[in-house]
Amino acid sequence: MKYFKIPFLLIWRLWFYILMFTTIVIMCPFLLVFTLKESYYPLLWKLVRIWSKVLIYGMGFRLKIDLNQKIEPNKSYMFCPNHASLMDPFVLIVLSKNPIVFVGKKELEQIPIFGYFYRRTVIMVDRSNPESRKRVFEMAKKRLQNGLSMAIFPEGLVPEETVVLAPFKKGAFSLAIEFKMPIVPQVYFDCKRLFSWDFLKGGIGTFRVKQHPFIETSNLTLEDVDFLKEKTFEIIYSDLVGDKKYMNDTNRLT
């Protein structure tokens, strides 16, 4: 039965890239205009949210969202979800009506067409270059003055399939304290199971998402970075290890 599914999985995966490429080409005129000025970013965000919904629902996925606390309009937040799938950023985008600026990997700018717009909208970081990290801070400071929120996957990478949650980096938490942004812990239970980096695994289904109460940073200093990082880690880790579906998939032997 497992091998019988392989051709269908490969066709389904191919459909994702066809859908992604086709929608980017269709959106190109709007993307060119909306990336001309930073003041157009709210319009770009609305377009990207529509695109993300097309990708999620077009792949046969649905969302089941548990919000313990709702986002307030015109307030800046630091979104910190776990990261295990290519679908994670699209889920995050759909969840927030407030415009979010992502801090992302420099390597993604190499993707044809997508990379051009990625370069113009995302704050890119080369984690092997200390100067790049300083640049991230300066660019974040400029963008956050416009009332935007930020999103950083604090694991800093996509961990291997057998890892529950990789150790967090400090960057997201330093920025959150510096700019007094509440941390928004989000737990994605099913993205890895349903749309893994393993092309021979996955299928249509429901992405369950849990958004925890926010962690305030207004009274914290940079000396509290480790405390904030560990607190956020424990919130997300506890949910993941307590979820049977997630752990059955994470601990799989094949």
Protein backbone atom coordinates (compact mmCIF):
# COMPACT_ATOMS: atom_id res chain seq x y z
CA MET A 1 0.00 0.00 0.00
CA LYS A 2 2.86 2.36 0.88
CA TYR A 3 4.50 1.96 -2.55
CA PHE A 4 1.14 2.27 -4.31
CA LYS A 5 0.80 5.79 -2.88
CA ILE A 6 4.20 7.00 -4.11
CA PRO A 7 3.13 8.09 -7.66
CA PHE A 8 0.17 10.02 -6.23
CA LEU A 9 2.39 11.72 -3.63
CA LEU A 10 4.86 12.79 -6.30
CA ILE A 11 2.09 14.17 -8.53
CA TRP A 12 0.60 15.99 -5.52
CA ARG A 13 3.99 17.48 -4.68
CA LEU A 14 4.50 18.54 -8.28
CA TRP A 15 1.10 20.26 -8.16
CA PHE A 16 2.34 22.42 -5.27
CA TYR A 17 5.22 23.81 -7.31
CA ILE A 18 2.99 24.31 -10.35
CA LEU A 19 0.45 26.14 -8.18
CA MET A 20 3.14 28.23 -6.53
CA PHE A 21 4.87 29.20 -9.78
CA THR A 22 1.63 29.94 -11.63
CA THR A 23 0.22 32.17 -8.89
CA ILE A 24 3.49 34.11 -8.59
CA VAL A 25 3.47 34.77 -12.35
CA ILE A 26 -0.16 35.95 -12.16
CA MET A 27 0.66 38.24 -9.22
CA CYS A 28 3.82 39.68 -10.79
CA PRO A 29 2.30 43.02 -11.93
CA PHE A 30 0.88 43.64 -8.45
CA LEU A 31 4.09 42.50 -6.74
CA LEU A 32 6.16 44.86 -8.86
CA VAL A 33 3.99 47.80 -7.81
CA PHE A 34 3.54 46.87 -4.15
CA THR A 35 7.30 46.39 -3.61
CA LEU A 36 8.21 49.83 -4.97
CA LYS A 37 7.72 51.61 -1.64
CA GLU A 38 7.67 50.51 1.99
CA SER A 39 4.42 52.45 2.43
CA TYR A 40 2.75 49.94 0.09
CA TYR A 41 3.61 47.02 2.37
CA PRO A 42 0.09 46.72 3.90
CA LEU A 43 -1.29 46.23 0.37
CA LEU A 44 1.40 43.67 -0.36
CA TRP A 45 0.51 41.86 2.84
CA LYS A 46 -3.15 41.56 1.82
CA LEU A 47 -2.09 40.10 -1.51
CA VAL A 48 0.32 37.65 0.11
CA ARG A 49 -2.39 36.50 2.53
CA ILE A 50 -4.69 35.69 -0.40
CA TRP A 51 -1.82 33.84 -2.08
CA SER A 52 -1.10 31.84 1.09
CA LYS A 53 -4.74 30.80 1.36
CA VAL A 54 -4.70 29.67 -2.29
CA LEU A 55 -1.62 27.51 -1.62
CA ILE A 56 -2.97 25.99 1.61
CA TYR A 57 -6.48 25.25 0.40
CA GLY A 58 -5.31 24.46 -3.13
CA MET A 59 -3.19 21.64 -1.71
CA GLY A 60 -6.21 20.19 0.08
CA PHE A 61 -5.36 21.43 3.57
CA ARG A 62 -7.65 23.04 6.12
CA LEU A 63 -6.89 25.07 9.24
CA LYS A 64 -8.09 24.47 12.78
CA ILE A 65 -6.99 27.38 14.93
CA ASP A 66 -7.03 27.64 18.73
CA LEU A 67 -6.39 31.26 19.79
CA ASN A 68 -5.81 31.80 23.49
CA GLN A 69 -5.26 35.48 22.85
CA LYS A 70 -6.07 37.56 19.79
CA ILE A 71 -3.82 40.01 17.97
CA GLU A 72 -4.65 43.69 18.42
CA PRO A 73 -4.65 45.91 15.33
CA ASN A 74 -1.79 48.39 14.92
CA LYS A 75 0.40 46.76 17.56
CA SER A 76 3.79 45.15 16.98
CA TYR A 77 4.44 41.52 17.97
CA MET A 78 7.21 38.96 17.64
CA PHE A 79 5.76 35.73 16.23
CA CYS A 80 7.71 32.60 17.19
CA PRO A 81 6.37 29.32 15.74
CA ASN A 82 8.09 25.95 15.52
CA HIS A 83 9.47 25.16 12.06
CA ALA A 84 9.32 21.81 10.29
CA SER A 85 7.70 22.35 6.90
CA LEU A 86 7.65 24.54 3.81
CA MET A 87 4.01 25.31 4.67
CA ASP A 88 4.83 26.97 8.01
CA PRO A 89 5.32 30.54 6.67
CA PHE A 90 2.08 30.35 4.69
CA VAL A 91 0.16 29.24 7.79
CA LEU A 92 1.63 32.12 9.78
CA ILE A 93 0.73 34.63 7.08
CA VAL A 94 -2.89 33.47 6.98
CA LEU A 95 -3.16 33.77 10.77
CA SER A 96 -2.28 37.47 10.94
CA LYS A 97 -4.18 40.34 9.37
CA ASN A 98 -1.49 42.64 10.77
CA PRO A 99 1.46 42.99 8.36
CA ILE A 100 4.49 40.97 9.43
CA VAL A 101 8.10 41.32 8.33
CA PHE A 102 9.96 38.01 8.14
CA VAL A 103 13.60 37.44 8.93
CA GLY A 104 14.60 34.70 6.50
CA LYS A 105 17.51 32.74 5.10
CA LYS A 106 19.59 34.43 2.42
CA GLU A 107 19.74 31.20 0.39
CA LEU A 108 16.08 31.53 -0.68
CA GLU A 109 16.83 34.55 -2.84
CA GLN A 110 18.30 32.13 -5.40
CA ILE A 111 14.84 30.78 -6.31
CA PRO A 112 13.81 32.14 -9.75
CA ILE A 113 11.14 34.91 -9.70
CA PHE A 114 10.24 34.18 -6.06
CA GLY A 115 13.77 35.18 -5.01
CA TYR A 116 13.42 38.62 -6.61
CA PHE A 117 10.40 39.57 -4.50
CA TYR A 118 11.74 37.72 -1.46
CA ARG A 119 14.84 39.92 -1.58
CA ARG A 120 12.72 43.09 -1.69
CA THR A 121 10.43 42.23 1.22
CA VAL A 122 12.22 39.92 3.68
CA ILE A 123 15.04 40.90 6.02
CA MET A 124 17.65 38.37 4.99
CA VAL A 125 20.27 36.97 7.32
CA ASP A 126 23.45 35.06 6.60
CA ARG A 127 23.97 33.28 9.92
CA SER A 128 27.64 32.63 9.16
CA ASN A 129 28.33 36.36 8.88
CA PRO A 130 28.33 38.54 12.06
CA GLU A 131 27.97 41.68 9.93
CA SER A 132 24.76 40.26 8.48
CA ARG A 133 23.29 39.96 11.97
CA LYS A 134 24.03 43.62 12.68
CA ARG A 135 22.31 44.52 9.41
CA VAL A 136 19.22 42.55 10.48
CA PHE A 137 19.00 44.61 13.67
CA GLU A 138 19.30 47.93 11.82
CA MET A 139 16.72 46.97 9.20
CA ALA A 140 14.35 45.64 11.85
CA LYS A 141 14.62 48.88 13.78
CA LYS A 142 13.65 50.85 10.67
CA ARG A 143 10.71 48.60 9.74
CA LEU A 144 9.30 48.35 13.27
CA GLN A 145 9.09 52.12 13.54
CA ASN A 146 6.30 51.81 10.97
CA GLY A 147 4.20 49.67 13.33
CA LEU A 148 4.86 46.32 11.70
CA SER A 149 5.29 43.00 13.49
CA MET A 150 8.09 40.50 13.01
CA ALA A 151 8.26 36.73 12.56
CA ILE A 152 11.29 34.57 13.26
CA PHE A 153 11.38 30.80 13.46
CA PRO A 154 13.61 30.66 16.55
CA GLU A 155 15.06 27.23 15.78
CA GLY A 156 17.02 28.94 13.03
CA LEU A 157 16.69 25.91 10.77
CA VAL A 158 14.37 23.09 9.82
CA PRO A 159 15.38 20.22 12.15
CA GLU A 160 15.58 16.60 11.09
CA GLU A 161 12.37 14.59 11.06
CA THR A 162 13.18 12.84 14.36
CA VAL A 163 13.77 16.07 16.32
CA VAL A 164 10.81 17.29 18.38
CA LEU A 165 12.00 20.89 18.65
CA ALA A 166 15.51 22.19 17.93
CA PRO A 167 17.21 24.55 20.44
CA PHE A 168 16.23 28.19 19.98
CA LYS A 169 18.56 30.97 18.86
CA LYS A 170 18.60 34.27 20.77
CA GLY A 171 17.89 36.68 17.91
CA ALA A 172 14.09 36.79 18.10
CA PHE A 173 14.11 37.32 21.83
CA SER A 174 16.78 40.03 21.79
CA LEU A 175 14.76 41.97 19.22
CA ALA A 176 11.52 41.45 21.15
CA ILE A 177 13.05 42.88 24.33
CA GLU A 178 14.80 45.71 22.50
CA PHE A 179 11.57 46.86 20.83
CA LYS A 180 9.23 45.86 23.70
CA MET A 181 7.21 43.49 21.50
CA PRO A 182 5.20 40.69 23.12
CA ILE A 183 6.27 37.20 22.09
CA VAL A 184 3.52 35.22 20.33
CA PRO A 185 4.22 31.48 20.77
CA GLN A 186 2.54 29.45 18.04
CA VAL A 187 2.50 25.66 17.83
CA TYR A 188 2.12 23.93 14.45
CA PHE A 189 1.22 20.30 15.10
CA ASP A 190 0.65 18.89 11.61
CA CYS A 191 2.68 20.74 8.97
CA LYS A 192 5.60 18.30 9.24
CA ARG A 193 3.35 15.24 9.22
CA LEU A 194 1.26 16.36 6.25
CA PHE A 195 3.81 18.31 4.19
CA SER A 196 7.26 17.16 5.20
CA TRP A 197 10.51 17.85 3.36
CA ASP A 198 10.36 14.11 2.64
CA PHE A 199 8.61 13.91 -0.76
CA LEU A 200 7.42 10.36 -0.08
CA LYS A 201 5.47 11.37 2.99
CA GLY A 202 2.34 13.42 3.68
CA GLY A 203 -1.15 13.97 2.38
CA ILE A 204 -4.15 16.25 2.58
CA GLY A 205 -5.57 16.98 6.03
CA THR A 206 -6.02 19.63 8.71
CA PHE A 207 -3.29 21.86 10.11
CA ARG A 208 -3.94 22.32 13.81
CA VAL A 209 -2.50 25.54 15.22
CA LYS A 210 -2.41 26.75 18.80
CA GLN A 211 -1.62 30.37 19.64
CA HIS A 212 -0.67 30.76 23.30
CA PRO A 213 -1.18 33.82 25.49
CA PHE A 214 1.47 36.39 24.69
CA ILE A 215 4.63 36.77 26.75
CA GLU A 216 5.12 40.42 27.64
CA THR A 217 8.60 41.90 27.35
CA SER A 218 7.97 45.48 28.51
CA ASN A 219 9.62 44.86 31.89
CA LEU A 220 12.51 42.76 30.60
CA THR A 221 16.08 43.76 29.78
CA LEU A 222 18.63 42.12 27.50
CA GLU A 223 19.89 40.23 30.54
CA ASP A 224 16.59 38.31 30.43
CA VAL A 225 17.10 36.97 26.90
CA ASP A 226 17.91 33.42 28.03
CA PHE A 227 14.94 33.38 30.39
CA LEU A 228 12.59 34.53 27.62
CA LYS A 229 14.05 32.06 25.13
CA GLU A 230 13.69 29.09 27.49
CA LYS A 231 10.18 30.08 28.55
CA THR A 232 9.01 30.21 24.93
CA PHE A 233 10.78 26.93 24.16
CA GLU A 234 9.07 25.14 27.06
CA ILE A 235 5.61 26.35 26.02
CA ILE A 236 5.98 25.02 22.47
CA TYR A 237 7.88 21.85 23.45
CA SER A 238 5.28 20.86 26.07
CA ASP A 239 2.50 21.05 23.51
CA LEU A 240 4.42 19.05 20.91
CA VAL A 241 5.47 16.20 23.22
CA GLY A 242 1.90 16.03 24.53
CA ASP A 243 0.41 15.56 21.06
CA LYS A 244 0.12 11.92 20.04
CA LYS A 245 -0.04 12.51 16.28
CA TYR A 246 3.01 14.77 16.31
CA MET A 247 5.08 12.39 18.45
CA ASN A 248 4.09 9.28 16.48
CA ASP A 249 5.32 11.00 13.36
CA THR A 250 8.45 12.50 14.95
CA ASN A 251 9.54 9.19 16.45
CA ARG A 252 8.84 7.16 13.34
CA LEU A 253 11.48 4.58 12.43
CA THR A 254 10.86 4.65 8.67
